[in-house]
Amino acid sequence: MSARIGVITFPGSLDDSDAARAVTAGGADAVRLWHADTDLQGVDAVVLPGGFSYGDYLRCGAIARFAPMMGAVIDAARDGLPVLGICNGFQILCESGLLPGALIRNNHLHFICRDQKVRIAADDTAWTADFAAGQEIVIPVKNGEGGYVADERTLDMLQAENRIVARYVGNPNGSLRDIAGITNESRTVVGIMPHPEHAIDPLTGPTADGLVFFTSIVTTLAARVGA
């Protein structure tokens, strides 16, 4: 039986269909979830897609954090449900307290959209298991508030615990310590600012490098079943 991975749609989500397509391409069944519901439908993992949830009013992700579905996600994530937050989804994870730190306005104050080289720093998370540590990939980045910030103590902790999942090669937005993605203590929740779901097929993206995030979760879930 294929793994079932939920993709949540919020008001203002732009990349939910792309994320669902990536889930399917990675070998799992995509289950569409609605922000106003509370039933996770028994999914094995969840993706929070990119976009502008609730128009990015207040702060990016700050209102989506209080969506009914996020209450279910937060509880399930704390019990070990794997969650991937992409771009706006990363912002929602930080606002939810599932990941530390915050994402702020790019240091150059401009929206950026380009193909971006990223170096995988941690290959032992639920969403990076099929990568090799140190592997460089190219996936699109598109954000206006993508600069990752945290206090020095948190940054030191993330580095010491190998919880920095990916770093920019050529920082596009001023993220501290070139951070492009991080994970939680249990390595099941990952936030990534660039967009792997837009790089699953070289016909439509710069590479197929992003697909590996979605095959990785299938690998992780299969290992859980076999354990």
Protein backbone atom coordinates (compact mmCIF):
# COMPACT_ATOMS: atom_id res chain seq x y z
CA MET A 1 0.00 0.00 0.00
CA SER A 2 1.33 3.44 -0.94
CA ALA A 3 2.09 6.01 1.71
CA ARG A 4 -0.58 8.69 2.02
CA ILE A 5 0.73 12.24 2.29
CA GLY A 6 -1.59 15.15 3.01
CA VAL A 7 -1.23 18.52 1.30
CA ILE A 8 -3.05 21.37 3.04
CA THR A 9 -4.70 24.18 1.12
CA PHE A 10 -5.00 27.53 2.93
CA PRO A 11 -6.65 30.67 1.56
CA GLY A 12 -3.83 32.07 -0.59
CA SER A 13 -1.94 28.81 -1.11
CA LEU A 14 -0.37 28.87 -4.57
CA ASP A 15 1.71 25.73 -4.71
CA ASP A 16 -0.60 23.11 -3.23
CA SER A 17 -1.28 21.46 -6.59
CA ASP A 18 2.45 21.44 -7.37
CA ALA A 19 3.14 19.84 -4.00
CA ALA A 20 0.47 17.19 -4.58
CA ARG A 21 2.00 16.44 -7.99
CA ALA A 22 5.43 16.10 -6.39
CA VAL A 23 4.05 13.73 -3.74
CA THR A 24 2.62 11.52 -6.50
CA ALA A 25 5.84 11.66 -8.51
CA GLY A 26 7.73 10.60 -5.39
CA GLY A 27 5.70 7.41 -5.12
CA ALA A 28 3.01 8.29 -2.57
CA ASP A 29 -0.69 9.06 -2.73
CA ALA A 30 -1.52 12.76 -2.33
CA VAL A 31 -4.46 13.51 -0.02
CA ARG A 32 -5.87 17.02 -0.29
CA LEU A 33 -6.63 18.59 3.10
CA TRP A 34 -8.61 21.77 3.73
CA HIS A 35 -7.51 24.42 6.24
CA ALA A 36 -10.92 24.66 7.90
CA ASP A 37 -11.19 20.92 8.63
CA THR A 38 -9.62 19.06 11.53
CA ASP A 39 -9.50 15.51 10.17
CA LEU A 40 -6.07 14.46 8.93
CA GLN A 41 -7.70 11.45 7.25
CA GLY A 42 -5.10 9.07 8.60
CA VAL A 43 -2.26 10.43 6.46
CA ASP A 44 1.30 9.28 7.08
CA ALA A 45 2.87 12.73 6.58
CA VAL A 46 1.84 16.29 5.72
CA VAL A 47 3.11 19.01 3.39
CA LEU A 48 2.44 22.69 4.07
CA PRO A 49 2.78 24.32 0.63
CA GLY A 50 4.08 27.66 -0.51
CA GLY A 51 1.99 30.72 -1.26
CA PHE A 52 0.58 33.64 0.65
CA SER A 53 -1.72 32.14 3.27
CA TYR A 54 -4.33 34.67 4.34
CA GLY A 55 -2.62 37.21 2.10
CA ASP A 56 0.43 37.35 4.41
CA TYR A 57 -1.48 39.85 6.54
CA LEU A 58 -0.05 40.45 10.05
CA ARG A 59 3.04 38.27 9.48
CA CYS A 60 3.65 35.51 6.96
CA GLY A 61 2.10 32.34 8.35
CA ALA A 62 0.86 33.99 11.55
CA ILE A 63 -2.84 33.61 10.76
CA ALA A 64 -2.53 30.18 9.12
CA ARG A 65 -0.98 28.92 12.34
CA PHE A 66 -4.46 29.23 13.91
CA ALA A 67 -6.32 27.36 11.15
CA PRO A 68 -8.29 24.38 12.51
CA MET A 69 -6.24 21.92 10.45
CA MET A 70 -3.02 23.28 11.94
CA GLY A 71 -4.22 22.38 15.41
CA ALA A 72 -4.42 18.76 14.27
CA VAL A 73 -1.04 19.01 12.52
CA ILE A 74 0.70 20.49 15.56
CA ASP A 75 -0.60 17.73 17.84
CA ALA A 76 0.28 15.00 15.35
CA ALA A 77 3.73 16.45 14.64
CA ARG A 78 4.53 16.44 18.33
CA ASP A 79 3.63 12.73 18.28
CA GLY A 80 6.01 12.07 15.38
CA LEU A 81 4.04 12.80 12.20
CA PRO A 82 6.50 13.94 9.52
CA VAL A 83 5.77 17.45 8.22
CA LEU A 84 7.42 19.39 5.40
CA GLY A 85 6.86 23.14 5.23
CA ILE A 86 7.87 24.79 1.95
CA CYS A 87 8.37 28.59 1.82
CA ASN A 88 5.12 29.88 3.35
CA GLY A 89 4.84 26.46 4.96
CA PHE A 90 8.24 27.03 6.61
CA GLN A 91 6.93 30.34 7.92
CA ILE A 92 3.84 28.58 9.31
CA LEU A 93 6.01 25.98 11.06
CA CYS A 94 8.00 28.73 12.78
CA GLU A 95 4.84 30.62 13.76
CA SER A 96 3.43 27.33 15.13
CA GLY A 97 6.43 26.72 17.35
CA LEU A 98 7.23 23.45 15.57
CA LEU A 99 10.50 24.99 14.40
CA PRO A 100 12.57 27.73 16.08
CA GLY A 101 13.36 31.14 14.64
CA ALA A 102 11.49 33.25 12.12
CA LEU A 103 11.51 34.33 8.48
CA ILE A 104 11.76 38.06 7.80
CA ARG A 105 11.92 40.47 4.86
CA ASN A 106 14.80 39.79 2.47
CA ASN A 107 17.79 41.98 3.31
CA HIS A 108 17.66 43.67 -0.11
CA LEU A 109 13.90 44.34 0.32
CA HIS A 110 13.03 42.78 -3.04
CA PHE A 111 11.09 39.69 -4.02
CA ILE A 112 13.48 37.18 -5.55
CA CYS A 113 12.71 34.40 -8.03
CA ARG A 114 15.55 32.37 -9.51
CA ASP A 115 17.14 28.93 -9.67
CA GLN A 116 19.19 28.50 -6.52
CA LYS A 117 22.08 26.23 -5.61
CA VAL A 118 21.63 24.64 -2.18
CA ARG A 119 23.92 22.31 -0.22
CA ILE A 120 22.28 19.52 1.79
CA ALA A 121 23.76 19.59 5.26
CA ALA A 122 21.71 16.89 7.02
CA ASP A 123 20.78 13.64 5.29
CA ASP A 124 19.21 11.98 8.32
CA THR A 125 15.81 13.69 8.42
CA ALA A 126 12.52 12.19 7.31
CA TRP A 127 12.60 14.38 4.20
CA THR A 128 16.29 14.13 3.19
CA ALA A 129 17.05 10.43 3.68
CA ASP A 130 17.79 9.85 -0.01
CA PHE A 131 20.32 12.68 -0.22
CA ALA A 132 24.02 12.54 0.66
CA ALA A 133 25.37 15.06 3.15
CA GLY A 134 27.22 17.75 1.25
CA GLN A 135 25.30 17.11 -1.97
CA GLU A 136 24.64 20.27 -3.98
CA ILE A 137 21.31 20.63 -5.74
CA VAL A 138 19.54 23.32 -7.77
CA ILE A 139 15.92 24.18 -7.02
CA PRO A 140 13.91 27.40 -7.47
CA VAL A 141 13.68 30.04 -4.76
CA LYS A 142 10.90 32.64 -4.79
CA ASN A 143 10.28 34.77 -1.73
CA GLY A 144 10.03 38.27 -0.37
CA GLU A 145 10.30 37.31 3.29
CA GLY A 146 12.71 34.40 3.18
CA GLY A 147 15.50 35.57 5.46
CA TYR A 148 15.90 33.08 8.33
CA VAL A 149 16.75 34.65 11.68
CA ALA A 150 17.20 33.44 15.25
CA ASP A 151 19.25 34.47 18.24
CA GLU A 152 22.86 33.34 18.45
CA ARG A 153 22.07 30.68 21.06
CA THR A 154 19.48 29.09 18.77
CA LEU A 155 21.77 29.28 15.74
CA ASP A 156 24.58 27.64 17.71
CA MET A 157 22.18 24.93 18.90
CA LEU A 158 20.96 24.19 15.37
CA GLN A 159 24.53 23.90 14.16
CA ALA A 160 25.73 21.79 17.08
CA GLU A 161 22.80 19.36 16.73
CA ASN A 162 23.15 19.15 12.93
CA ARG A 163 19.64 20.54 12.54
CA ILE A 164 20.52 22.84 9.65
CA VAL A 165 19.11 20.78 6.80
CA ALA A 166 20.30 22.92 3.88
CA ARG A 167 22.42 26.00 3.26
CA TYR A 168 22.40 28.42 0.36
CA VAL A 169 25.39 28.45 -1.95
CA GLY A 170 25.26 32.16 -2.71
CA ASN A 171 22.86 33.62 -0.14
CA PRO A 172 19.84 35.16 -1.93
CA ASN A 173 18.05 36.82 0.99
CA GLY A 174 20.34 37.43 3.95
CA SER A 175 19.43 34.29 5.90
CA LEU A 176 21.73 34.01 8.90
CA ARG A 177 24.47 31.41 8.45
CA ASP A 178 23.15 30.82 4.92
CA ILE A 179 20.30 28.72 6.32
CA ALA A 180 17.85 27.47 3.70
CA GLY A 181 16.17 24.82 5.84
CA ILE A 182 16.10 23.39 9.35
CA THR A 183 14.61 20.44 11.24
CA ASN A 184 13.22 19.75 14.71
CA GLU A 185 14.84 17.63 17.42
CA SER A 186 13.22 14.40 16.24
CA ARG A 187 14.20 15.18 12.62
CA THR A 188 10.65 14.60 11.40
CA VAL A 189 9.60 18.23 10.81
CA VAL A 190 11.51 20.12 8.11
CA GLY A 191 11.12 23.69 6.89
CA ILE A 192 12.72 24.63 3.57
CA MET A 193 12.52 28.05 1.93
CA PRO A 194 13.40 27.11 -1.69
CA HIS A 195 10.80 25.10 -3.62
CA PRO A 196 11.64 21.42 -4.24
CA GLU A 197 8.14 20.80 -5.66
CA HIS A 198 9.05 22.99 -8.64
CA ALA A 199 12.06 20.82 -9.52
CA ILE A 200 10.76 17.29 -9.93
CA ASP A 201 11.14 16.98 -13.70
CA PRO A 202 13.87 18.55 -15.88
CA LEU A 203 11.21 19.25 -18.52
CA THR A 204 9.50 21.77 -16.26
CA GLY A 205 12.12 22.70 -13.67
CA PRO A 206 15.82 23.43 -13.75
CA THR A 207 16.51 19.90 -12.46
CA ALA A 208 14.73 16.95 -10.86
CA ASP A 209 16.71 17.51 -7.64
CA GLY A 210 13.64 18.49 -5.64
CA LEU A 211 12.00 15.12 -6.21
CA VAL A 212 14.42 13.59 -3.72
CA PHE A 213 12.64 15.31 -0.82
CA PHE A 214 9.51 13.39 -1.79
CA THR A 215 11.19 10.04 -2.41
CA SER A 216 12.96 10.50 0.93
CA ILE A 217 9.72 10.57 2.90
CA VAL A 218 8.55 7.43 1.10
CA THR A 219 11.85 5.77 2.06
CA THR A 220 11.45 6.93 5.67
CA LEU A 221 7.87 5.71 5.97
CA ALA A 222 8.75 2.35 4.39
CA ALA A 223 11.55 1.92 6.94
CA ARG A 224 9.09 2.60 9.75
CA VAL A 225 6.77 -0.13 8.46
CA GLY A 226 9.65 -2.58 8.15
CA ALA A 227 11.07 -1.80 11.59
